[in-house]
Amino acid sequence: MSEARGFHLLIDGVLRPGVSTFPVINPATAQPFADCPKADETLLDQAVAAAGRAFPAWAATPAGERATLVAQIADALEARVDEFAALLTAEQGKPLDQAAREIRGSAFVLRAFSTMTIEPKVLRDDGTNRVIEHRVPLGVVAAITAWNFPLVLLVNKVGPALVAGNTMVCKPAPTTPLTTCLFGELCQKILPPGVLNVICDENELGPILTGHPDVAKIAFTGSTATGKRVMATAAQTLKRVTLELGGNDAAIVLDDVEPASVAAKIFDGAMRNAGQICFAVKRTYVPSAIYDEFCDELARLAEAMVIDDGANQGAQIGPVQNRQQFDKVAALIEASGGEGRIIAGGPPLDRPGYFIPPTIVRDIPDEAELVREEQFGPVLPVLKYDDIDELIDRVNATDYGLAGSVWGRDVARATAVAKRVASGTVWVNQLTSLDPRIPFRGWRQSGMGTEMGQEGLEEYTQAQVINAVPLD
């Protein structure tokens, strides 16, 4: 490999080679650019054991000291934005400016959690009976992350888990493991040995980690299908589970908007990171009166995009991250051409790498697979509607319920429509407005549990009620 530096696992505070290595592919070239160390079950057991040994002392460390160390990780990450962003672009494919935003956003998330506290809650104190609810850490947390936002999805778990007093074993997706390895190097210099461990694999170790008897909680981000398998494995030992899974998020455009302005916002929400965002716009519903104009504007925006290697200046949309997803999205586009009308984009580009142009499909039925299933790529179906009550039934006719959005000049009217959408988060006149201080959760098969916010922090704790009265 031509990569100048090597990467390591982190186990018990020591940077270690794996039992072997596997290649990491740059999706802009479809060629390997680095080797990642690979763990086996023995190394996994060592990582879990190290986290278990570190847990008592870390849990006993004053919360303020734990928070200070998490904030130091944020500072160290922010000081190396360029290095992390270049590596992230190489393994994930997103344009360099978007990669830098992910790194800075990750530092922001860590810093936000470092300011949060969990205080005892007095439930009763009547002079004779004092009841207090305490929150105690769970133990070893397994964090398993997806390939679309490798670092921010990790720190969404690292921040609350460490602040709450847990120790961790982190396993990144095998197609984007290197930023997590680099993050492990950064943490090794700040955290006590064993508090955070990093292992990498080619998807063999997931069931072993999620079923490990010494893991107390699993924090998983990924597909709904994999999330179901994680939950089934966790059920064997009744582990705590947080699942942030797929979505089929709808954007509802009301009839009082200016089409060009709203189309630009929805296009960005659908195509950023080549559409590989769990809460990206996956389907858009537009009133008949402005449907043609809206579709034309989306097509114009799609044709104007610069599609290129994310490392190149001016790139706006990079490649799809991996071959499997590339093939899936390409097949969806091919099928949708027979069900609707492709007005921009279409087949993959004839060049090395996993490049698919931003694609707009209009006049497509609700029954089409592109509408029913999560595409997770740069293709957007646009559907027409006339009656808002009928539309709500169409929007909610899905197994998913992660997020969605409603667009209208009359904010009160748009908010009333939003309340009827069966999703964990519904934005009004905005998209992807995430804040680590605000809870984010899925509905139905889009997940369970809460990430971010005070409630997300408390997901990494066990509530313990102490109920005391005087001795009679």
Protein backbone atom coordinates (compact mmCIF):
# COMPACT_ATOMS: atom_id res chain seq x y z
CA MET A 1 0.00 0.00 0.00
CA SER A 2 1.09 3.55 -0.66
CA GLU A 3 -0.25 4.94 2.61
CA ALA A 4 2.61 6.55 4.52
CA ARG A 5 1.36 5.81 8.01
CA GLY A 6 0.11 2.72 9.77
CA PHE A 7 -2.97 2.21 11.94
CA HIS A 8 -3.48 0.30 15.15
CA LEU A 9 -6.10 -1.19 17.40
CA LEU A 10 -6.33 0.22 20.93
CA ILE A 11 -6.56 -2.33 23.72
CA ASP A 12 -5.92 -1.53 27.38
CA GLY A 13 -4.18 1.73 26.56
CA VAL A 14 -1.74 0.11 24.11
CA LEU A 15 -1.71 0.65 20.35
CA ARG A 16 -1.54 -2.83 18.88
CA PRO A 17 -1.34 -4.51 15.49
CA GLY A 18 -4.07 -6.93 14.54
CA VAL A 19 -3.73 -10.61 13.83
CA SER A 20 -3.77 -9.61 10.16
CA THR A 21 -4.85 -6.66 8.04
CA PHE A 22 -7.52 -5.93 5.46
CA PRO A 23 -7.56 -3.29 2.70
CA VAL A 24 -9.58 -0.09 2.96
CA ILE A 25 -11.01 1.11 -0.35
CA ASN A 26 -11.12 4.73 -1.49
CA PRO A 27 -14.61 4.92 -3.05
CA ALA A 28 -13.49 7.64 -5.46
CA THR A 29 -11.07 5.20 -7.12
CA ALA A 30 -12.48 1.81 -6.05
CA GLN A 31 -8.88 0.95 -5.13
CA PRO A 32 -7.24 0.16 -1.76
CA PHE A 33 -5.34 3.04 -0.21
CA ALA A 34 -4.47 1.74 3.26
CA ASP A 35 -4.45 -1.37 5.43
CA CYS A 36 -6.49 -1.69 8.62
CA PRO A 37 -5.45 -3.96 11.49
CA LYS A 38 -7.88 -6.82 12.04
CA ALA A 39 -8.88 -8.22 15.42
CA ASP A 40 -9.97 -11.76 16.20
CA GLU A 41 -12.08 -13.15 19.03
CA THR A 42 -9.06 -13.31 21.35
CA LEU A 43 -8.29 -9.61 20.87
CA LEU A 44 -11.97 -8.78 21.28
CA ASP A 45 -12.01 -10.66 24.61
CA GLN A 46 -8.91 -8.76 25.67
CA ALA A 47 -10.55 -5.43 24.81
CA VAL A 48 -13.72 -6.29 26.75
CA ALA A 49 -11.65 -7.52 29.71
CA ALA A 50 -9.59 -4.32 29.69
CA ALA A 51 -12.75 -2.20 29.71
CA GLY A 52 -14.11 -4.33 32.55
CA ARG A 53 -10.96 -3.84 34.63
CA ALA A 54 -10.96 -0.09 34.00
CA PHE A 55 -14.62 0.34 34.87
CA PRO A 56 -14.53 0.48 38.70
CA ALA A 57 -11.89 3.22 38.84
CA TRP A 58 -13.44 5.20 35.98
CA ALA A 59 -16.93 5.00 37.51
CA ALA A 60 -15.46 6.18 40.83
CA THR A 61 -13.69 9.12 39.20
CA PRO A 62 -15.56 12.35 40.04
CA ALA A 63 -17.95 13.24 37.25
CA GLY A 64 -16.31 16.63 36.78
CA GLU A 65 -12.94 14.99 36.14
CA ARG A 66 -14.45 12.60 33.59
CA ALA A 67 -16.09 15.54 31.84
CA THR A 68 -12.79 17.44 31.77
CA LEU A 69 -11.07 14.55 30.00
CA VAL A 70 -13.90 14.31 27.43
CA ALA A 71 -13.50 18.03 26.77
CA GLN A 72 -9.75 17.48 26.31
CA ILE A 73 -10.53 14.89 23.63
CA ALA A 74 -12.67 17.52 21.89
CA ASP A 75 -9.80 20.02 22.03
CA ALA A 76 -7.32 17.47 20.67
CA LEU A 77 -9.69 16.54 17.85
CA GLU A 78 -10.27 20.14 16.89
CA ALA A 79 -6.52 20.74 16.74
CA ARG A 80 -6.19 18.01 14.07
CA VAL A 81 -9.19 18.79 11.86
CA ASP A 82 -7.23 18.80 8.60
CA GLU A 83 -5.58 15.44 9.28
CA PHE A 84 -8.84 13.75 10.29
CA ALA A 85 -10.80 15.33 7.42
CA ALA A 86 -8.34 14.14 4.76
CA LEU A 87 -8.47 10.60 6.12
CA LEU A 88 -12.26 10.70 6.38
CA THR A 89 -12.61 11.83 2.76
CA ALA A 90 -10.24 9.10 1.59
CA GLU A 91 -12.19 6.29 3.26
CA GLN A 92 -15.75 7.63 3.16
CA GLY A 93 -15.80 9.73 -0.02
CA LYS A 94 -17.54 12.91 1.11
CA PRO A 95 -16.11 16.25 -0.08
CA LEU A 96 -13.33 17.62 2.07
CA ASP A 97 -15.34 20.58 3.37
CA GLN A 98 -18.11 18.23 4.53
CA ALA A 99 -15.52 15.98 6.16
CA ALA A 100 -14.08 18.94 8.06
CA ARG A 101 -17.58 19.85 9.25
CA GLU A 102 -18.01 16.31 10.55
CA ILE A 103 -14.76 16.55 12.52
CA ARG A 104 -15.63 19.95 13.99
CA GLY A 105 -19.15 18.72 14.70
CA SER A 106 -17.71 15.72 16.53
CA ALA A 107 -15.66 18.01 18.76
CA PHE A 108 -18.79 20.06 19.41
CA VAL A 109 -20.73 16.95 20.45
CA LEU A 110 -18.02 15.87 22.89
CA ARG A 111 -17.82 19.35 24.36
CA ALA A 112 -21.60 19.53 24.73
CA PHE A 113 -21.75 16.25 26.64
CA SER A 114 -18.86 17.37 28.84
CA THR A 115 -21.12 20.17 30.14
CA MET A 116 -24.02 17.86 31.01
CA THR A 117 -24.51 16.47 34.49
CA ILE A 118 -26.70 13.86 36.11
CA GLU A 119 -27.95 14.95 39.51
CA PRO A 120 -29.77 12.87 42.11
CA LYS A 121 -33.51 13.42 41.94
CA VAL A 122 -35.47 13.77 45.18
CA LEU A 123 -38.76 11.93 44.67
CA ARG A 124 -40.06 12.40 48.20
CA ASP A 125 -38.86 14.14 51.35
CA ASP A 126 -41.66 14.59 53.89
CA GLY A 127 -39.53 14.62 57.03
CA THR A 128 -39.76 10.90 57.69
CA ASN A 129 -39.49 9.32 54.27
CA ARG A 130 -36.67 10.39 51.92
CA VAL A 131 -36.67 8.85 48.45
CA ILE A 132 -33.87 9.71 46.03
CA GLU A 133 -33.29 8.42 42.53
CA HIS A 134 -29.62 8.08 41.64
CA ARG A 135 -28.13 7.28 38.25
CA VAL A 136 -25.19 4.88 38.13
CA PRO A 137 -23.10 3.78 35.12
CA LEU A 138 -23.83 0.42 33.52
CA GLY A 139 -20.35 -0.99 32.87
CA VAL A 140 -18.82 -1.90 29.51
CA VAL A 141 -20.56 -0.32 26.50
CA ALA A 142 -20.11 -1.73 23.00
CA ALA A 143 -20.36 1.05 20.40
CA ILE A 144 -20.93 -0.18 16.84
CA THR A 145 -21.06 2.47 14.15
CA ALA A 146 -22.00 2.87 10.49
CA TRP A 147 -19.96 4.01 7.49
CA ASN A 148 -21.80 7.17 6.48
CA PHE A 149 -20.60 9.40 9.35
CA PRO A 150 -17.89 7.29 11.01
CA LEU A 151 -16.69 9.83 13.55
CA VAL A 152 -19.76 11.79 14.60
CA LEU A 153 -21.78 8.58 15.03
CA LEU A 154 -19.00 7.33 17.29
CA VAL A 155 -18.76 10.42 19.49
CA ASN A 156 -22.56 10.49 19.83
CA LYS A 157 -21.93 7.37 21.92
CA VAL A 158 -18.50 8.11 23.39
CA GLY A 159 -19.57 11.46 24.86
CA PRO A 160 -22.48 10.26 27.00
CA ALA A 161 -20.99 6.85 27.78
CA LEU A 162 -17.76 8.27 29.22
CA VAL A 163 -19.35 11.24 30.99
CA ALA A 164 -21.78 8.85 32.68
CA GLY A 165 -18.89 6.69 33.92
CA ASN A 166 -18.91 3.71 31.54
CA THR A 167 -15.97 2.19 29.72
CA MET A 168 -16.11 1.24 26.04
CA VAL A 169 -15.21 -1.12 23.23
CA CYS A 170 -15.69 0.61 19.86
CA LYS A 171 -16.10 -1.27 16.58
CA PRO A 172 -16.33 0.80 13.38
CA ALA A 173 -17.77 -0.32 10.06
CA PRO A 174 -15.18 -2.31 8.08
CA THR A 175 -15.35 0.02 5.08
CA THR A 176 -14.56 3.13 7.17
CA PRO A 177 -12.43 2.02 10.14
CA LEU A 178 -9.44 4.34 9.90
CA THR A 179 -10.81 7.55 11.42
CA THR A 180 -11.88 5.47 14.42
CA CYS A 181 -8.36 4.04 14.69
CA LEU A 182 -6.95 7.57 14.56
CA PHE A 183 -9.47 8.67 17.19
CA GLY A 184 -8.27 5.80 19.36
CA GLU A 185 -4.69 7.10 19.09
CA LEU A 186 -5.90 10.48 20.24
CA CYS A 187 -7.81 9.02 23.20
CA GLN A 188 -4.85 6.85 24.22
CA LYS A 189 -2.94 9.98 25.19
CA ILE A 190 -5.79 11.37 27.31
CA LEU A 191 -7.81 8.57 28.91
CA PRO A 192 -6.68 5.98 31.48
CA PRO A 193 -5.84 2.58 29.98
CA GLY A 194 -8.86 0.44 29.16
CA VAL A 195 -11.44 3.21 29.36
CA LEU A 196 -11.81 3.29 25.56
CA ASN A 197 -10.76 0.42 23.31
CA VAL A 198 -10.93 0.11 19.50
CA ILE A 199 -11.18 -3.13 17.56
CA CYS A 200 -11.71 -3.57 13.79
CA ASP A 201 -12.95 -6.49 11.74
CA GLU A 202 -14.58 -7.41 8.46
CA ASN A 203 -17.99 -7.98 10.10
CA GLU A 204 -17.12 -11.30 11.77
CA LEU A 205 -17.01 -10.04 15.37
CA GLY A 206 -20.32 -8.19 15.65
CA PRO A 207 -22.39 -11.09 17.05
CA ILE A 208 -19.58 -12.03 19.44
CA LEU A 209 -19.36 -8.48 20.78
CA THR A 210 -23.13 -7.96 21.07
CA GLY A 211 -23.54 -11.33 22.75
CA HIS A 212 -20.52 -10.99 25.05
CA PRO A 213 -21.52 -11.71 28.67
CA ASP A 214 -19.34 -8.89 30.00
CA VAL A 215 -20.90 -6.18 27.82
CA ALA A 216 -23.65 -4.30 29.64
CA LYS A 217 -25.01 -2.14 26.82
CA ILE A 218 -24.93 -1.96 23.03
CA ALA A 219 -25.13 1.38 21.24
CA PHE A 220 -25.65 0.65 17.55
CA THR A 221 -26.14 2.76 14.45
CA GLY A 222 -26.83 1.00 11.17
CA SER A 223 -29.48 -0.64 9.06
CA THR A 224 -32.80 -1.85 10.40
CA ALA A 225 -32.03 -5.41 9.31
CA THR A 226 -28.76 -5.46 11.25
CA GLY A 227 -30.41 -3.71 14.19
CA LYS A 228 -32.89 -6.58 14.48
CA ARG A 229 -30.02 -9.07 14.65
CA VAL A 230 -28.26 -6.95 17.30
CA MET A 231 -31.43 -6.86 19.39
CA ALA A 232 -31.93 -10.62 19.08
CA THR A 233 -28.37 -11.31 20.23
CA ALA A 234 -28.63 -8.79 23.09
CA ALA A 235 -31.82 -10.46 24.28
CA GLN A 236 -29.85 -13.54 25.33
CA THR A 237 -28.42 -11.62 28.28
CA LEU A 238 -31.01 -8.80 28.42
CA LYS A 239 -28.43 -6.12 27.64
CA ARG A 240 -29.43 -2.50 27.38
CA VAL A 241 -29.74 -1.52 23.71
CA THR A 242 -29.88 1.78 21.86
CA LEU A 243 -30.64 1.37 18.16
CA GLU A 244 -30.46 4.25 15.69
CA LEU A 245 -31.61 2.63 12.46
CA GLY A 246 -32.78 3.44 8.95
CA GLY A 247 -35.49 5.82 7.86
CA ASN A 248 -37.68 6.66 4.89
CA ASP A 249 -38.07 10.31 5.72
CA ALA A 250 -40.73 12.30 3.91
CA ALA A 251 -40.62 15.99 3.05
CA ILE A 252 -44.10 17.50 2.78
CA VAL A 253 -44.33 20.72 0.77
CA LEU A 254 -47.43 22.84 1.42
CA ASP A 255 -49.11 24.96 -1.23
CA ASP A 256 -48.09 28.38 0.13
CA VAL A 257 -44.34 28.10 -0.48
CA GLU A 258 -42.10 29.65 -3.13
CA PRO A 259 -41.07 26.51 -5.07
CA ALA A 260 -37.51 27.40 -6.06
CA SER A 261 -36.44 28.37 -2.55
CA VAL A 262 -37.85 25.27 -0.88
CA ALA A 263 -36.65 22.98 -3.67
CA ALA A 264 -33.07 24.12 -3.02
CA LYS A 265 -33.33 23.26 0.68
CA ILE A 266 -34.90 19.88 0.05
CA PHE A 267 -32.35 19.06 -2.64
CA ASP A 268 -29.53 19.74 -0.19
CA GLY A 269 -31.25 17.63 2.46
CA ALA A 270 -31.61 14.76 0.00
CA MET A 271 -28.19 14.85 -1.66
CA ARG A 272 -25.71 15.88 1.02
CA ASN A 273 -23.14 13.12 1.61
CA ALA A 274 -24.43 11.57 -1.64
CA GLY A 275 -27.76 10.95 0.09
CA GLN A 276 -26.13 8.68 2.68
CA ILE A 277 -27.73 10.13 5.79
CA CYS A 278 -30.21 8.16 7.87
CA PHE A 279 -32.46 11.21 8.21
CA ALA A 280 -31.93 12.59 4.70
CA VAL A 281 -35.01 13.41 2.62
CA LYS A 282 -35.92 10.07 1.03
CA ARG A 283 -39.22 11.06 -0.65
CA THR A 284 -40.86 14.40 -1.36
CA TYR A 285 -44.57 15.20 -1.68
CA VAL A 286 -45.57 18.33 -3.59
CA PRO A 287 -49.04 19.84 -4.31
CA SER A 288 -50.27 19.43 -7.89
CA ALA A 289 -50.44 23.20 -8.41
CA ILE A 290 -46.66 23.63 -8.06
CA TYR A 291 -45.50 20.10 -8.89
CA ASP A 292 -44.09 20.78 -12.36
CA GLU A 293 -42.23 23.89 -11.28
CA PHE A 294 -40.84 22.13 -8.21
CA CYS A 295 -39.63 19.12 -10.22
CA ASP A 296 -38.02 21.36 -12.83
CA GLU A 297 -36.08 23.21 -10.13
CA LEU A 298 -34.87 19.98 -8.53
CA ALA A 299 -33.70 18.78 -11.94
CA ARG A 300 -31.88 22.05 -12.60
CA LEU A 301 -30.07 21.78 -9.25
CA ALA A 302 -29.12 18.17 -9.92
CA GLU A 303 -27.65 18.92 -13.33
CA ALA A 304 -25.58 21.78 -11.89
CA MET A 305 -23.82 19.68 -9.23
CA VAL A 306 -20.09 19.01 -9.45
CA ILE A 307 -19.56 15.27 -8.97
CA ASP A 308 -15.98 14.37 -8.20
CA ASP A 309 -13.45 12.85 -5.83
CA GLY A 310 -14.13 14.55 -2.50
CA ALA A 311 -10.44 15.42 -2.19
CA ASN A 312 -10.62 17.64 -5.29
CA GLN A 313 -11.30 21.35 -5.02
CA GLY A 314 -14.89 22.23 -5.90
CA ALA A 315 -16.38 18.74 -5.45
CA GLN A 316 -19.99 18.99 -4.24
CA ILE A 317 -21.07 15.36 -4.36
CA GLY A 318 -18.66 12.51 -3.88
CA PRO A 319 -19.03 8.79 -4.56
CA VAL A 320 -21.32 6.31 -2.86
CA GLN A 321 -19.23 4.80 -0.08
CA ASN A 322 -19.00 1.13 -1.03
CA ARG A 323 -19.65 -1.28 -3.89
CA GLN A 324 -22.60 -3.03 -2.24
CA GLN A 325 -24.47 0.23 -1.72
CA PHE A 326 -23.48 1.45 -5.18
CA ASP A 327 -25.03 -1.64 -6.78
CA LYS A 328 -28.20 -1.28 -4.71
CA VAL A 329 -28.74 2.37 -5.63
CA ALA A 330 -27.95 1.75 -9.30
CA ALA A 331 -30.54 -1.04 -9.37
CA LEU A 332 -33.18 1.19 -7.75
CA ILE A 333 -32.56 3.89 -10.35
CA GLU A 334 -32.81 1.40 -13.20
CA ALA A 335 -36.11 0.04 -11.86
CA SER A 336 -37.54 3.51 -11.22
CA GLY A 337 -37.04 4.42 -14.88
CA GLY A 338 -39.79 1.97 -15.75
CA GLU A 339 -42.12 3.18 -13.00
CA GLY A 340 -41.63 6.96 -13.18
CA ARG A 341 -39.77 9.50 -15.23
CA ILE A 342 -36.10 10.28 -14.59
CA ILE A 343 -35.63 14.01 -15.24
CA ALA A 344 -32.04 14.37 -14.01
CA GLY A 345 -29.17 11.98 -13.42
CA GLY A 346 -29.67 8.31 -14.06
CA PRO A 347 -27.10 5.50 -14.45
CA PRO A 348 -23.70 5.53 -12.72
CA LEU A 349 -20.96 7.63 -14.27
CA ASP A 350 -18.55 5.88 -16.62
CA ARG A 351 -15.41 6.48 -14.58
CA PRO A 352 -13.45 4.73 -11.82
CA GLY A 353 -15.06 4.83 -8.41
CA TYR A 354 -18.62 4.53 -7.14
CA PHE A 355 -20.07 7.68 -8.67
CA ILE A 356 -23.83 8.04 -9.18
CA PRO A 357 -25.14 11.42 -10.38
CA PRO A 358 -27.85 13.13 -8.32
CA THR A 359 -31.04 11.67 -9.75
CA ILE A 360 -34.60 13.05 -9.67
CA VAL A 361 -37.56 10.77 -10.44
CA ARG A 362 -41.05 12.23 -10.92
CA ASP A 363 -44.49 10.69 -11.62
CA ILE A 364 -43.60 7.57 -9.65
CA PRO A 365 -46.26 5.57 -7.75
CA ASP A 366 -46.34 5.00 -4.01
CA GLU A 367 -45.85 1.27 -4.61
CA ALA A 368 -42.44 1.69 -6.27
CA GLU A 369 -39.52 0.24 -4.30
CA LEU A 370 -37.73 3.60 -4.49
CA VAL A 371 -40.64 5.12 -2.52
CA ARG A 372 -41.26 2.25 -0.11
CA GLU A 373 -37.66 1.49 0.86
CA GLU A 374 -34.71 3.57 2.05
CA GLN A 375 -32.43 4.22 -0.94
CA PHE A 376 -29.49 5.69 1.02
CA GLY A 377 -28.02 7.26 -2.09
CA PRO A 378 -28.31 10.31 -4.36
CA VAL A 379 -31.74 9.64 -5.85
CA LEU A 380 -34.98 11.39 -4.88
CA PRO A 381 -38.54 10.40 -5.84
CA VAL A 382 -41.01 13.31 -6.09
CA LEU A 383 -44.71 12.52 -5.69
CA LYS A 384 -47.83 14.60 -6.28
CA TYR A 385 -50.76 15.15 -3.90
CA ASP A 386 -54.01 17.11 -3.70
CA ASP A 387 -55.59 16.30 -0.33
CA ILE A 388 -53.59 16.76 2.90
CA ASP A 389 -55.56 14.14 4.88
CA GLU A 390 -55.00 11.52 2.19
CA LEU A 391 -51.35 12.55 2.04
CA ILE A 392 -50.78 11.94 5.76
CA ASP A 393 -52.03 8.38 5.30
CA ARG A 394 -49.60 7.91 2.40
CA VAL A 395 -46.67 9.38 4.32
CA ASN A 396 -47.33 7.21 7.38
CA ALA A 397 -47.80 3.99 5.38
CA THR A 398 -44.28 2.80 6.18
CA ASP A 399 -42.51 0.64 8.74
CA TYR A 400 -40.05 3.47 9.39
CA GLY A 401 -40.33 6.63 11.46
CA LEU A 402 -36.99 8.33 12.00
CA ALA A 403 -37.51 11.91 10.87
CA GLY A 404 -39.32 14.09 8.35
CA SER A 405 -40.02 17.68 7.45
CA VAL A 406 -42.91 20.03 6.57
CA TRP A 407 -42.49 23.21 4.54
CA GLY A 408 -44.91 26.15 4.58
CA ARG A 409 -45.09 29.91 5.04
CA ASP A 410 -47.82 29.49 7.65
CA VAL A 411 -45.70 28.03 10.45
CA ALA A 412 -48.69 27.19 12.65
CA ARG A 413 -50.33 25.26 9.82
CA ALA A 414 -47.06 23.49 8.96
CA THR A 415 -46.56 22.59 12.63
CA ALA A 416 -50.07 21.13 12.82
CA VAL A 417 -49.26 18.94 9.81
CA ALA A 418 -45.94 17.93 11.38
CA LYS A 419 -47.70 16.64 14.49
CA ARG A 420 -49.57 14.15 12.29
CA VAL A 421 -46.38 12.62 10.85
CA ALA A 422 -45.42 9.39 12.66
CA SER A 423 -41.70 10.08 13.09
CA GLY A 424 -39.44 10.63 16.07
CA THR A 425 -38.35 14.05 14.82
CA VAL A 426 -40.20 16.30 12.37
CA TRP A 427 -38.58 19.55 11.30
CA VAL A 428 -40.58 22.54 10.12
CA ASN A 429 -38.92 24.66 7.41
CA GLN A 430 -35.50 23.16 8.16
CA LEU A 431 -33.59 19.92 7.78
CA THR A 432 -30.99 17.89 9.68
CA SER A 433 -31.08 20.37 12.54
CA LEU A 434 -29.36 18.17 15.11
CA ASP A 435 -28.16 19.45 18.45
CA PRO A 436 -26.45 17.20 21.02
CA ARG A 437 -28.56 18.90 23.69
CA ILE A 438 -31.85 17.84 22.00
CA PRO A 439 -32.99 14.18 22.09
CA PHE A 440 -33.12 12.23 18.83
CA ARG A 441 -35.02 8.95 18.63
CA GLY A 442 -36.61 6.62 16.12
CA TRP A 443 -40.21 5.45 15.83
CA ARG A 444 -41.27 1.92 14.85
CA GLN A 445 -38.51 0.12 12.90
CA SER A 446 -36.29 3.21 12.84
CA GLY A 447 -34.93 2.38 16.25
CA MET A 448 -35.38 2.37 19.98
CA GLY A 449 -33.96 4.37 22.82
CA THR A 450 -32.64 7.91 22.66
CA GLU A 451 -29.43 9.47 21.44
CA MET A 452 -28.30 12.93 22.51
CA GLY A 453 -29.85 15.30 25.00
CA GLN A 454 -30.19 14.70 28.73
CA GLU A 455 -32.28 11.62 28.05
CA GLY A 456 -29.56 10.30 25.74
CA LEU A 457 -27.01 10.74 28.52
CA GLU A 458 -29.23 8.87 30.98
CA GLU A 459 -29.53 5.95 28.51
CA TYR A 460 -26.02 5.05 29.67
CA THR A 461 -27.06 4.72 33.31
CA GLN A 462 -29.17 2.57 35.59
CA ALA A 463 -31.72 4.32 37.80
CA GLN A 464 -31.36 3.32 41.44
CA VAL A 465 -33.96 4.41 43.97
CA ILE A 466 -32.87 4.74 47.62
CA ASN A 467 -35.93 4.78 49.92
CA ALA A 468 -35.07 5.60 53.54
CA VAL A 469 -37.07 6.02 56.73
CA PRO A 470 -35.94 6.33 60.37
CA LEU A 471 -35.48 3.09 62.31
CA ASP A 472 -38.66 2.58 64.35
